[in-house]
Amino acid sequence: MSAPTDWETALERHRRDKDSYFRDNPQSPIPDAERPDFEGLRYFSPDDDYRFELELHEHGDRERVVVATTTDGEREYLRWGEFRFEVGGEEQTLQAYRRDADDPGLWVPFRDETSGEETYGAGRYLDLHAEEDRTDDGRWVVDFNLAYNPFCAYSARYECPMVPVENRLDVAIEAGEKTYESSEGYDADAE
């Protein structure tokens, strides 16, 4: 086995920190009754094949999109641009959103062929930060190893935006966080 690369080391540290927060912090989304037995989240093994440096193809007309939430609410986003990449020899496209024009980051929600099987049925998210997730030449680092479940996967007391239909992939993204079995999470299969 080869030594971990810098991104793998950072990913493992991120996962340990998240587990510690979820176990010990009063603001954790893990229900109080489940915290004493919480041993950490489950993840796919780090995989460089799901880590991309991509150009964001920005939309000229940044359309406002209304996204339903898990509590029958709605949130508005701007469809900012799209990422184009290849998984398993198949071309894929994901839309990237911003809450408003001044937001420097991107929100990339998605569902894939693992959703409802190995991963949370309602989908997972990627948050891209302009300062941290950009290369020197301006491309974005889209790392599915950092894909995470929204808080409603742990407890239905949270309101989470649903993944827009346009961000449903027909391939498996075997990277990032897996399903968390909670007695209180939002039931994505009830849709």
C-alpha atoms as a PDB file:
ATOM      1  CA  MET A   1       0.000   0.000   0.000  1.00  0.00           C
ATOM      2  CA  SER A   2       1.338   3.412  -0.901  1.00  0.00           C
ATOM      3  CA  ALA A   3       1.636   6.333   1.492  1.00  0.00           C
ATOM      4  CA  PRO A   4      -1.378   8.678   1.543  1.00  0.00           C
ATOM      5  CA  THR A   5      -1.180  11.811  -0.551  1.00  0.00           C
ATOM      6  CA  ASP A   6      -1.706  15.297   0.879  1.00  0.00           C
ATOM      7  CA  TRP A   7      -5.368  15.370  -0.177  1.00  0.00           C
ATOM      8  CA  GLU A   8      -5.965  11.935   1.392  1.00  0.00           C
ATOM      9  CA  THR A   9      -4.333  13.039   4.640  1.00  0.00           C
ATOM     10  CA  ALA A  10      -6.485  16.195   4.685  1.00  0.00           C
ATOM     11  CA  LEU A  11      -9.594  14.113   3.903  1.00  0.00           C
ATOM     12  CA  GLU A  12      -8.943  11.686   6.758  1.00  0.00           C
ATOM     13  CA  ARG A  13      -8.362  14.607   9.162  1.00  0.00           C
ATOM     14  CA  HIS A  14     -11.624  16.210   7.959  1.00  0.00           C
ATOM     15  CA  ARG A  15     -13.501  12.956   8.603  1.00  0.00           C
ATOM     16  CA  ARG A  16     -12.032  12.554  12.106  1.00  0.00           C
ATOM     17  CA  ASP A  17     -12.903  16.170  12.966  1.00  0.00           C
ATOM     18  CA  LYS A  18     -16.456  15.729  11.701  1.00  0.00           C
ATOM     19  CA  ASP A  19     -16.915  12.533  13.739  1.00  0.00           C
ATOM     20  CA  SER A  20     -15.627  14.312  16.842  1.00  0.00           C
ATOM     21  CA  TYR A  21     -18.016  17.233  16.260  1.00  0.00           C
ATOM     22  CA  PHE A  22     -20.972  14.912  15.662  1.00  0.00           C
ATOM     23  CA  ARG A  23     -20.177  12.888  18.802  1.00  0.00           C
ATOM     24  CA  ASP A  24     -19.330  15.698  21.237  1.00  0.00           C
ATOM     25  CA  ASN A  25     -20.743  19.047  20.147  1.00  0.00           C
ATOM     26  CA  PRO A  26     -24.124  20.151  21.569  1.00  0.00           C
ATOM     27  CA  GLN A  27     -25.006  21.451  18.057  1.00  0.00           C
ATOM     28  CA  SER A  28     -24.512  18.007  16.504  1.00  0.00           C
ATOM     29  CA  PRO A  29     -27.338  16.809  14.238  1.00  0.00           C
ATOM     30  CA  ILE A  30     -27.059  13.314  15.757  1.00  0.00           C
ATOM     31  CA  PRO A  31     -30.051  12.823  18.076  1.00  0.00           C
ATOM     32  CA  ASP A  32     -29.093  13.004  21.764  1.00  0.00           C
ATOM     33  CA  ALA A  33     -30.264   9.444  22.402  1.00  0.00           C
ATOM     34  CA  GLU A  34     -27.936   8.110  19.678  1.00  0.00           C
ATOM     35  CA  ARG A  35     -24.758   9.998  20.645  1.00  0.00           C
ATOM     36  CA  PRO A  36     -23.530   7.638  23.398  1.00  0.00           C
ATOM     37  CA  ASP A  37     -23.329   4.819  20.819  1.00  0.00           C
ATOM     38  CA  PHE A  38     -22.071   6.992  17.933  1.00  0.00           C
ATOM     39  CA  GLU A  39     -18.851   5.478  16.578  1.00  0.00           C
ATOM     40  CA  GLY A  40     -18.468   7.692  13.542  1.00  0.00           C
ATOM     41  CA  LEU A  41     -19.905   8.098  10.088  1.00  0.00           C
ATOM     42  CA  ARG A  42     -19.406   5.554   7.332  1.00  0.00           C
ATOM     43  CA  TYR A  43     -17.540   6.539   4.172  1.00  0.00           C
ATOM     44  CA  PHE A  44     -16.329   5.096   0.917  1.00  0.00           C
ATOM     45  CA  SER A  45     -12.557   4.690   0.835  1.00  0.00           C
ATOM     46  CA  PRO A  46     -10.732   7.701  -0.617  1.00  0.00           C
ATOM     47  CA  ASP A  47     -10.615   7.424  -4.401  1.00  0.00           C
ATOM     48  CA  ASP A  48      -8.698   9.792  -6.660  1.00  0.00           C
ATOM     49  CA  ASP A  49     -10.960   8.817  -9.586  1.00  0.00           C
ATOM     50  CA  TYR A  50     -13.727  10.896  -7.992  1.00  0.00           C
ATOM     51  CA  ARG A  51     -11.585  14.008  -7.573  1.00  0.00           C
ATOM     52  CA  PHE A  52     -11.662  16.490 -10.444  1.00  0.00           C
ATOM     53  CA  GLU A  53     -10.208  19.877 -11.353  1.00  0.00           C
ATOM     54  CA  LEU A  54     -12.895  21.402 -13.537  1.00  0.00           C
ATOM     55  CA  GLU A  55     -13.756  24.581 -15.322  1.00  0.00           C
ATOM     56  CA  LEU A  56     -17.063  26.070 -14.248  1.00  0.00           C
ATOM     57  CA  HIS A  57     -19.084  26.826 -17.385  1.00  0.00           C
ATOM     58  CA  GLU A  58     -20.909  29.890 -16.097  1.00  0.00           C
ATOM     59  CA  HIS A  59     -24.394  30.589 -17.364  1.00  0.00           C
ATOM     60  CA  GLY A  60     -24.915  33.947 -19.049  1.00  0.00           C
ATOM     61  CA  ASP A  61     -28.466  34.097 -17.734  1.00  0.00           C
ATOM     62  CA  ARG A  62     -28.364  33.115 -14.072  1.00  0.00           C
ATOM     63  CA  GLU A  63     -31.856  31.792 -13.657  1.00  0.00           C
ATOM     64  CA  ARG A  64     -33.500  31.761 -10.238  1.00  0.00           C
ATOM     65  CA  VAL A  65     -34.439  28.200  -9.234  1.00  0.00           C
ATOM     66  CA  VAL A  66     -36.956  27.297  -6.544  1.00  0.00           C
ATOM     67  CA  VAL A  67     -35.941  24.154  -4.672  1.00  0.00           C
ATOM     68  CA  ALA A  68     -38.355  22.204  -2.464  1.00  0.00           C
ATOM     69  CA  THR A  69     -37.260  21.286   1.063  1.00  0.00           C
ATOM     70  CA  THR A  70     -37.824  18.242   3.246  1.00  0.00           C
ATOM     71  CA  THR A  71     -40.400  20.159   5.313  1.00  0.00           C
ATOM     72  CA  ASP A  72     -42.522  21.182   2.311  1.00  0.00           C
ATOM     73  CA  GLY A  73     -40.873  24.589   2.211  1.00  0.00           C
ATOM     74  CA  GLU A  74     -38.939  26.237  -0.604  1.00  0.00           C
ATOM     75  CA  ARG A  75     -35.560  27.910  -1.058  1.00  0.00           C
ATOM     76  CA  GLU A  76     -34.320  30.014  -3.932  1.00  0.00           C
ATOM     77  CA  TYR A  77     -30.939  29.653  -5.599  1.00  0.00           C
ATOM     78  CA  LEU A  78     -29.227  31.069  -8.658  1.00  0.00           C
ATOM     79  CA  ARG A  79     -28.204  28.457 -11.238  1.00  0.00           C
ATOM     80  CA  TRP A  80     -24.660  29.791 -11.570  1.00  0.00           C
ATOM     81  CA  GLY A  81     -22.934  27.364 -13.903  1.00  0.00           C
ATOM     82  CA  GLU A  82     -22.257  23.751 -14.665  1.00  0.00           C
ATOM     83  CA  PHE A  83     -19.449  21.269 -14.280  1.00  0.00           C
ATOM     84  CA  ARG A  84     -18.793  18.720 -17.031  1.00  0.00           C
ATOM     85  CA  PHE A  85     -16.812  15.612 -16.236  1.00  0.00           C
ATOM     86  CA  GLU A  86     -16.548  11.904 -16.961  1.00  0.00           C
ATOM     87  CA  VAL A  87     -17.264   8.946 -14.662  1.00  0.00           C
ATOM     88  CA  GLY A  88     -16.701   5.413 -15.911  1.00  0.00           C
ATOM     89  CA  GLY A  89     -16.353   6.652 -19.474  1.00  0.00           C
ATOM     90  CA  GLU A  90     -19.707   8.486 -19.344  1.00  0.00           C
ATOM     91  CA  GLU A  91     -20.080  12.262 -19.696  1.00  0.00           C
ATOM     92  CA  GLN A  92     -21.838  13.867 -16.721  1.00  0.00           C
ATOM     93  CA  THR A  93     -23.091  17.380 -15.998  1.00  0.00           C
ATOM     94  CA  LEU A  94     -23.915  18.925 -12.634  1.00  0.00           C
ATOM     95  CA  GLN A  95     -25.390  22.353 -12.047  1.00  0.00           C
ATOM     96  CA  ALA A  96     -23.741  24.564  -9.408  1.00  0.00           C
ATOM     97  CA  TYR A  97     -25.839  27.043  -7.438  1.00  0.00           C
ATOM     98  CA  ARG A  98     -25.405  30.143  -5.304  1.00  0.00           C
ATOM     99  CA  ARG A  99     -27.780  31.582  -2.725  1.00  0.00           C
ATOM    100  CA  ASP A 100     -27.179  35.056  -4.158  1.00  0.00           C
ATOM    101  CA  ALA A 101     -24.856  36.870  -6.544  1.00  0.00           C
ATOM    102  CA  ASP A 102     -22.468  37.931  -3.752  1.00  0.00           C
ATOM    103  CA  ASP A 103     -21.872  34.361  -2.542  1.00  0.00           C
ATOM    104  CA  PRO A 104     -18.329  33.379  -3.605  1.00  0.00           C
ATOM    105  CA  GLY A 105     -18.899  29.654  -3.076  1.00  0.00           C
ATOM    106  CA  LEU A 106     -20.925  27.027  -4.884  1.00  0.00           C
ATOM    107  CA  TRP A 107     -23.483  24.487  -3.722  1.00  0.00           C
ATOM    108  CA  VAL A 108     -23.541  21.272  -5.750  1.00  0.00           C
ATOM    109  CA  PRO A 109     -26.281  18.858  -4.657  1.00  0.00           C
ATOM    110  CA  PHE A 110     -26.610  15.522  -6.438  1.00  0.00           C
ATOM    111  CA  ARG A 111     -28.260  12.137  -6.471  1.00  0.00           C
ATOM    112  CA  ASP A 112     -26.643   9.152  -8.131  1.00  0.00           C
ATOM    113  CA  GLU A 113     -27.051   5.398  -8.517  1.00  0.00           C
ATOM    114  CA  THR A 114     -25.925   4.837  -4.897  1.00  0.00           C
ATOM    115  CA  SER A 115     -28.757   7.043  -3.529  1.00  0.00           C
ATOM    116  CA  GLY A 116     -31.181   4.956  -1.494  1.00  0.00           C
ATOM    117  CA  GLU A 117     -28.778   2.025  -1.522  1.00  0.00           C
ATOM    118  CA  GLU A 118     -25.364   2.808  -0.047  1.00  0.00           C
ATOM    119  CA  THR A 119     -25.959   6.537   0.374  1.00  0.00           C
ATOM    120  CA  TYR A 120     -28.741   8.786   1.646  1.00  0.00           C
ATOM    121  CA  GLY A 121     -31.794   8.424  -0.585  1.00  0.00           C
ATOM    122  CA  ALA A 122     -32.513  12.147  -0.925  1.00  0.00           C
ATOM    123  CA  GLY A 123     -28.982  12.801  -2.185  1.00  0.00           C
ATOM    124  CA  ARG A 124     -25.773  14.388  -0.990  1.00  0.00           C
ATOM    125  CA  TYR A 125     -24.111  17.789  -1.204  1.00  0.00           C
ATOM    126  CA  LEU A 126     -20.767  19.332  -2.067  1.00  0.00           C
ATOM    127  CA  ASP A 127     -19.875  22.823  -0.838  1.00  0.00           C
ATOM    128  CA  LEU A 128     -17.132  24.513  -2.841  1.00  0.00           C
ATOM    129  CA  HIS A 129     -15.304  27.474  -1.333  1.00  0.00           C
ATOM    130  CA  ALA A 130     -13.692  30.057  -3.597  1.00  0.00           C
ATOM    131  CA  GLU A 131     -10.593  30.422  -1.396  1.00  0.00           C
ATOM    132  CA  GLU A 132      -9.948  26.728  -0.712  1.00  0.00           C
ATOM    133  CA  ASP A 133     -11.296  24.818  -3.700  1.00  0.00           C
ATOM    134  CA  ARG A 134      -9.657  26.614  -6.628  1.00  0.00           C
ATOM    135  CA  THR A 135      -6.486  25.809  -8.520  1.00  0.00           C
ATOM    136  CA  ASP A 136      -3.953  28.479  -9.476  1.00  0.00           C
ATOM    137  CA  ASP A 137      -5.425  28.567 -12.995  1.00  0.00           C
ATOM    138  CA  GLY A 138      -8.969  29.152 -11.691  1.00  0.00           C
ATOM    139  CA  ARG A 139     -10.450  25.678 -12.037  1.00  0.00           C
ATOM    140  CA  TRP A 140     -12.577  24.283  -9.218  1.00  0.00           C
ATOM    141  CA  VAL A 141     -11.605  21.179  -7.244  1.00  0.00           C
ATOM    142  CA  VAL A 142     -14.742  19.025  -7.281  1.00  0.00           C
ATOM    143  CA  ASP A 143     -13.942  16.216  -4.855  1.00  0.00           C
ATOM    144  CA  PHE A 144     -16.746  13.709  -4.384  1.00  0.00           C
ATOM    145  CA  ASN A 145     -14.753  12.189  -1.523  1.00  0.00           C
ATOM    146  CA  LEU A 146     -16.105  15.203   0.419  1.00  0.00           C
ATOM    147  CA  ALA A 147     -19.749  14.512  -0.520  1.00  0.00           C
ATOM    148  CA  TYR A 148     -21.831  14.675   2.632  1.00  0.00           C
ATOM    149  CA  ASN A 149     -25.342  14.004   3.868  1.00  0.00           C
ATOM    150  CA  PRO A 150     -27.548  16.965   4.730  1.00  0.00           C
ATOM    151  CA  PHE A 151     -28.471  17.277   8.417  1.00  0.00           C
ATOM    152  CA  CYS A 152     -31.990  15.938   7.755  1.00  0.00           C
ATOM    153  CA  ALA A 153     -30.378  12.517   7.144  1.00  0.00           C
ATOM    154  CA  TYR A 154     -29.685  12.412  10.896  1.00  0.00           C
ATOM    155  CA  SER A 155     -32.797  14.096  12.258  1.00  0.00           C
ATOM    156  CA  ALA A 156     -36.084  15.240  10.719  1.00  0.00           C
ATOM    157  CA  ARG A 157     -35.932  18.401  12.864  1.00  0.00           C
ATOM    158  CA  TYR A 158     -33.775  19.935  10.106  1.00  0.00           C
ATOM    159  CA  GLU A 159     -35.061  21.453   6.886  1.00  0.00           C
ATOM    160  CA  CYS A 160     -32.919  20.502   3.893  1.00  0.00           C
ATOM    161  CA  PRO A 161     -33.181  21.515   0.252  1.00  0.00           C
ATOM    162  CA  MET A 162     -33.943  18.610  -2.068  1.00  0.00           C
ATOM    163  CA  VAL A 163     -31.693  17.797  -5.019  1.00  0.00           C
ATOM    164  CA  PRO A 164     -33.092  19.360  -8.203  1.00  0.00           C
ATOM    165  CA  VAL A 165     -34.023  16.829 -10.894  1.00  0.00           C
ATOM    166  CA  GLU A 166     -31.356  18.267 -13.205  1.00  0.00           C
ATOM    167  CA  ASN A 167     -28.660  17.047 -10.779  1.00  0.00           C
ATOM    168  CA  ARG A 168     -29.593  13.381 -10.787  1.00  0.00           C
ATOM    169  CA  LEU A 169     -26.757  11.332 -12.235  1.00  0.00           C
ATOM    170  CA  ASP A 170     -27.225   7.967 -13.914  1.00  0.00           C
ATOM    171  CA  VAL A 171     -23.894   6.631 -12.628  1.00  0.00           C
ATOM    172  CA  ALA A 172     -22.710   5.536  -9.183  1.00  0.00           C
ATOM    173  CA  ILE A 173     -20.533   8.002  -7.277  1.00  0.00           C
ATOM    174  CA  GLU A 174     -18.823   5.610  -4.865  1.00  0.00           C
ATOM    175  CA  ALA A 175     -17.139   8.359  -2.872  1.00  0.00           C
ATOM    176  CA  GLY A 176     -17.929  10.404   0.194  1.00  0.00           C
ATOM    177  CA  GLU A 177     -20.324   9.778   3.019  1.00  0.00           C
ATOM    178  CA  LYS A 178     -22.558   6.700   3.151  1.00  0.00           C
ATOM    179  CA  THR A 179     -26.004   6.328   4.712  1.00  0.00           C
ATOM    180  CA  TYR A 180     -26.397   6.998   8.414  1.00  0.00           C
ATOM    181  CA  GLU A 181     -28.998   4.812  10.075  1.00  0.00           C
ATOM    182  CA  SER A 182     -30.970   7.092  12.378  1.00  0.00           C
ATOM    183  CA  SER A 183     -34.283   6.515  13.995  1.00  0.00           C
ATOM    184  CA  GLU A 184     -35.087  10.219  13.529  1.00  0.00           C
ATOM    185  CA  GLY A 185     -33.837  11.083  10.021  1.00  0.00           C
ATOM    186  CA  TYR A 186     -35.969  12.342   7.171  1.00  0.00           C
ATOM    187  CA  ASP A 187     -37.315   9.321   5.259  1.00  0.00           C
ATOM    188  CA  ALA A 188     -36.199   9.979   1.700  1.00  0.00           C
ATOM    189  CA  ASP A 189     -37.823   6.760   0.524  1.00  0.00           C
ATOM    190  CA  ALA A 190     -41.261   8.070   1.515  1.00  0.00           C
ATOM    191  CA  GLU A 191     -41.300  10.417  -1.490  1.00  0.00           C
END
